[in-house]
Amino acid sequence: MHYHSAQEAKDKWERRIKRINWDKLFVKFNDQNGCTEDHIKAFDELPYKNKVCFTVKAYPEYKSVIRIKAPKSHEFIRASYEPFGKNKNIDITKVLNNL
């Protein structure tokens, strides 16, 4: 939205993706936006070593899922419930530095 043209945005994107270390990706997903168990299963099957999926429901059959406590009325994770920031129970900096 802040580029002057689609070409400029494309050029910036292509320049940035050259800096990605594909061997050290950390992929995050959560159960927002109409996510179904099929989506969670598909995410869990992705070929990334370092991945996590935050959900309000327990899915013990999927190794990438971490259940987050949320009010019982919530059917999905809101970003503010993800375990980062002042109420964190995952040290994301440590996780990322150890990839």
C-alpha atoms as a PDB file:
ATOM      1  CA  MET A   1       0.000   0.000   0.000  1.00  0.00           C
ATOM      2  CA  HIS A   2       2.912   2.351   0.516  1.00  0.00           C
ATOM      3  CA  TYR A   3       4.616   1.649  -2.804  1.00  0.00           C
ATOM      4  CA  HIS A   4       4.077   3.770  -5.881  1.00  0.00           C
ATOM      5  CA  SER A   5       3.435   0.837  -8.193  1.00  0.00           C
ATOM      6  CA  ALA A   6       2.889  -2.893  -8.296  1.00  0.00           C
ATOM      7  CA  GLN A   7       6.299  -3.255  -9.946  1.00  0.00           C
ATOM      8  CA  GLU A   8       8.022  -1.436  -7.084  1.00  0.00           C
ATOM      9  CA  ALA A   9       6.287  -3.716  -4.552  1.00  0.00           C
ATOM     10  CA  LYS A  10       7.310  -6.781  -6.561  1.00  0.00           C
ATOM     11  CA  ASP A  11      10.923  -5.604  -6.786  1.00  0.00           C
ATOM     12  CA  LYS A  12      11.091  -4.980  -3.018  1.00  0.00           C
ATOM     13  CA  TRP A  13       9.550  -8.405  -2.307  1.00  0.00           C
ATOM     14  CA  GLU A  14      12.006 -10.188  -4.588  1.00  0.00           C
ATOM     15  CA  ARG A  15      14.930  -8.364  -2.975  1.00  0.00           C
ATOM     16  CA  ARG A  16      13.737  -9.319   0.508  1.00  0.00           C
ATOM     17  CA  ILE A  17      13.137 -12.992  -0.199  1.00  0.00           C
ATOM     18  CA  LYS A  18      16.775 -13.348  -1.224  1.00  0.00           C
ATOM     19  CA  ARG A  19      17.677 -12.659   2.429  1.00  0.00           C
ATOM     20  CA  ILE A  20      15.564 -15.515   3.821  1.00  0.00           C
ATOM     21  CA  ASN A  21      17.485 -18.354   5.376  1.00  0.00           C
ATOM     22  CA  TRP A  22      15.186 -21.188   4.287  1.00  0.00           C
ATOM     23  CA  ASP A  23      16.944 -23.598   6.665  1.00  0.00           C
ATOM     24  CA  LYS A  24      15.954 -21.515   9.692  1.00  0.00           C
ATOM     25  CA  LEU A  25      12.282 -20.779   9.156  1.00  0.00           C
ATOM     26  CA  PHE A  26       9.873 -20.699  12.071  1.00  0.00           C
ATOM     27  CA  VAL A  27       6.287 -21.058  10.856  1.00  0.00           C
ATOM     28  CA  LYS A  28       3.361 -20.002  13.069  1.00  0.00           C
ATOM     29  CA  PHE A  29      -0.351 -20.642  12.613  1.00  0.00           C
ATOM     30  CA  ASN A  30      -3.424 -20.298  14.793  1.00  0.00           C
ATOM     31  CA  ASP A  31      -7.069 -21.258  14.717  1.00  0.00           C
ATOM     32  CA  GLN A  32      -8.477 -17.825  13.733  1.00  0.00           C
ATOM     33  CA  ASN A  33     -10.402 -16.835  10.626  1.00  0.00           C
ATOM     34  CA  GLY A  34     -12.548 -19.903  10.124  1.00  0.00           C
ATOM     35  CA  CYS A  35      -9.780 -22.407  10.743  1.00  0.00           C
ATOM     36  CA  THR A  36     -11.010 -25.997  10.834  1.00  0.00           C
ATOM     37  CA  GLU A  37      -9.402 -29.180  12.081  1.00  0.00           C
ATOM     38  CA  ASP A  38      -8.622 -29.978   8.440  1.00  0.00           C
ATOM     39  CA  HIS A  39      -6.543 -26.779   8.272  1.00  0.00           C
ATOM     40  CA  ILE A  40      -4.734 -27.706  11.478  1.00  0.00           C
ATOM     41  CA  LYS A  41      -4.033 -31.196  10.157  1.00  0.00           C
ATOM     42  CA  ALA A  42      -2.727 -29.769   6.862  1.00  0.00           C
ATOM     43  CA  PHE A  43      -0.489 -27.341   8.772  1.00  0.00           C
ATOM     44  CA  ASP A  44       0.816 -30.153  10.966  1.00  0.00           C
ATOM     45  CA  GLU A  45       1.750 -32.114   7.837  1.00  0.00           C
ATOM     46  CA  LEU A  46       3.743 -29.254   6.285  1.00  0.00           C
ATOM     47  CA  PRO A  47       7.401 -30.197   5.780  1.00  0.00           C
ATOM     48  CA  TYR A  48       8.773 -27.544   8.148  1.00  0.00           C
ATOM     49  CA  LYS A  49      10.822 -28.678  11.121  1.00  0.00           C
ATOM     50  CA  ASN A  50      10.148 -25.540  13.180  1.00  0.00           C
ATOM     51  CA  LYS A  51       6.437 -24.817  13.349  1.00  0.00           C
ATOM     52  CA  VAL A  52       3.770 -24.141  15.936  1.00  0.00           C
ATOM     53  CA  CYS A  53      -0.004 -23.872  15.823  1.00  0.00           C
ATOM     54  CA  PHE A  54      -1.827 -22.149  18.694  1.00  0.00           C
ATOM     55  CA  THR A  55      -5.399 -23.268  19.382  1.00  0.00           C
ATOM     56  CA  VAL A  56      -8.030 -22.955  22.108  1.00  0.00           C
ATOM     57  CA  LYS A  57      -8.904 -26.643  21.796  1.00  0.00           C
ATOM     58  CA  ALA A  58      -6.632 -29.570  22.529  1.00  0.00           C
ATOM     59  CA  TYR A  59      -5.460 -31.571  19.519  1.00  0.00           C
ATOM     60  CA  PRO A  60      -3.123 -34.180  21.016  1.00  0.00           C
ATOM     61  CA  GLU A  61      -2.881 -36.013  17.705  1.00  0.00           C
ATOM     62  CA  TYR A  62      -0.979 -33.093  16.103  1.00  0.00           C
ATOM     63  CA  LYS A  63       2.565 -32.511  17.293  1.00  0.00           C
ATOM     64  CA  SER A  64       2.773 -28.838  16.243  1.00  0.00           C
ATOM     65  CA  VAL A  65      -0.266 -27.723  18.299  1.00  0.00           C
ATOM     66  CA  ILE A  66      -0.002 -25.820  21.562  1.00  0.00           C
ATOM     67  CA  ARG A  67      -3.282 -25.223  23.385  1.00  0.00           C
ATOM     68  CA  ILE A  68      -3.622 -21.734  24.841  1.00  0.00           C
ATOM     69  CA  LYS A  69      -5.953 -20.932  27.706  1.00  0.00           C
ATOM     70  CA  ALA A  70      -8.707 -18.557  26.673  1.00  0.00           C
ATOM     71  CA  PRO A  71     -12.153 -17.694  28.002  1.00  0.00           C
ATOM     72  CA  LYS A  72     -14.554 -20.596  27.438  1.00  0.00           C
ATOM     73  CA  SER A  73     -16.697 -18.412  25.186  1.00  0.00           C
ATOM     74  CA  HIS A  74     -13.833 -18.078  22.688  1.00  0.00           C
ATOM     75  CA  GLU A  75     -13.770 -20.559  19.856  1.00  0.00           C
ATOM     76  CA  PHE A  76     -10.385 -19.482  18.509  1.00  0.00           C
ATOM     77  CA  ILE A  77      -7.164 -17.802  19.580  1.00  0.00           C
ATOM     78  CA  ARG A  78      -7.048 -14.058  19.477  1.00  0.00           C
ATOM     79  CA  ALA A  79      -3.586 -12.695  18.754  1.00  0.00           C
ATOM     80  CA  SER A  80      -3.438 -11.174  22.237  1.00  0.00           C
ATOM     81  CA  TYR A  81      -3.633 -14.674  23.751  1.00  0.00           C
ATOM     82  CA  GLU A  82      -0.598 -15.988  21.931  1.00  0.00           C
ATOM     83  CA  PRO A  83       2.172 -16.624  24.442  1.00  0.00           C
ATOM     84  CA  PHE A  84       4.421 -13.727  23.504  1.00  0.00           C
ATOM     85  CA  GLY A  85       4.949 -10.447  25.310  1.00  0.00           C
ATOM     86  CA  LYS A  86       4.418  -9.743  28.986  1.00  0.00           C
ATOM     87  CA  ASN A  87       2.302 -12.860  29.641  1.00  0.00           C
ATOM     88  CA  LYS A  88       4.518 -15.162  27.629  1.00  0.00           C
ATOM     89  CA  ASN A  89       5.170 -18.763  28.473  1.00  0.00           C
ATOM     90  CA  ILE A  90       7.283 -19.289  25.358  1.00  0.00           C
ATOM     91  CA  ASP A  91      10.542 -17.399  24.980  1.00  0.00           C
ATOM     92  CA  ILE A  92      10.217 -16.804  21.237  1.00  0.00           C
ATOM     93  CA  THR A  93      13.604 -15.078  21.065  1.00  0.00           C
ATOM     94  CA  LYS A  94      15.249 -18.187  22.523  1.00  0.00           C
ATOM     95  CA  VAL A  95      13.301 -20.449  20.165  1.00  0.00           C
ATOM     96  CA  LEU A  96      14.303 -18.423  17.115  1.00  0.00           C
ATOM     97  CA  ASN A  97      17.938 -18.111  18.166  1.00  0.00           C
ATOM     98  CA  ASN A  98      18.199 -21.883  18.588  1.00  0.00           C
ATOM     99  CA  LEU A  99      16.961 -22.815  15.120  1.00  0.00           C
END
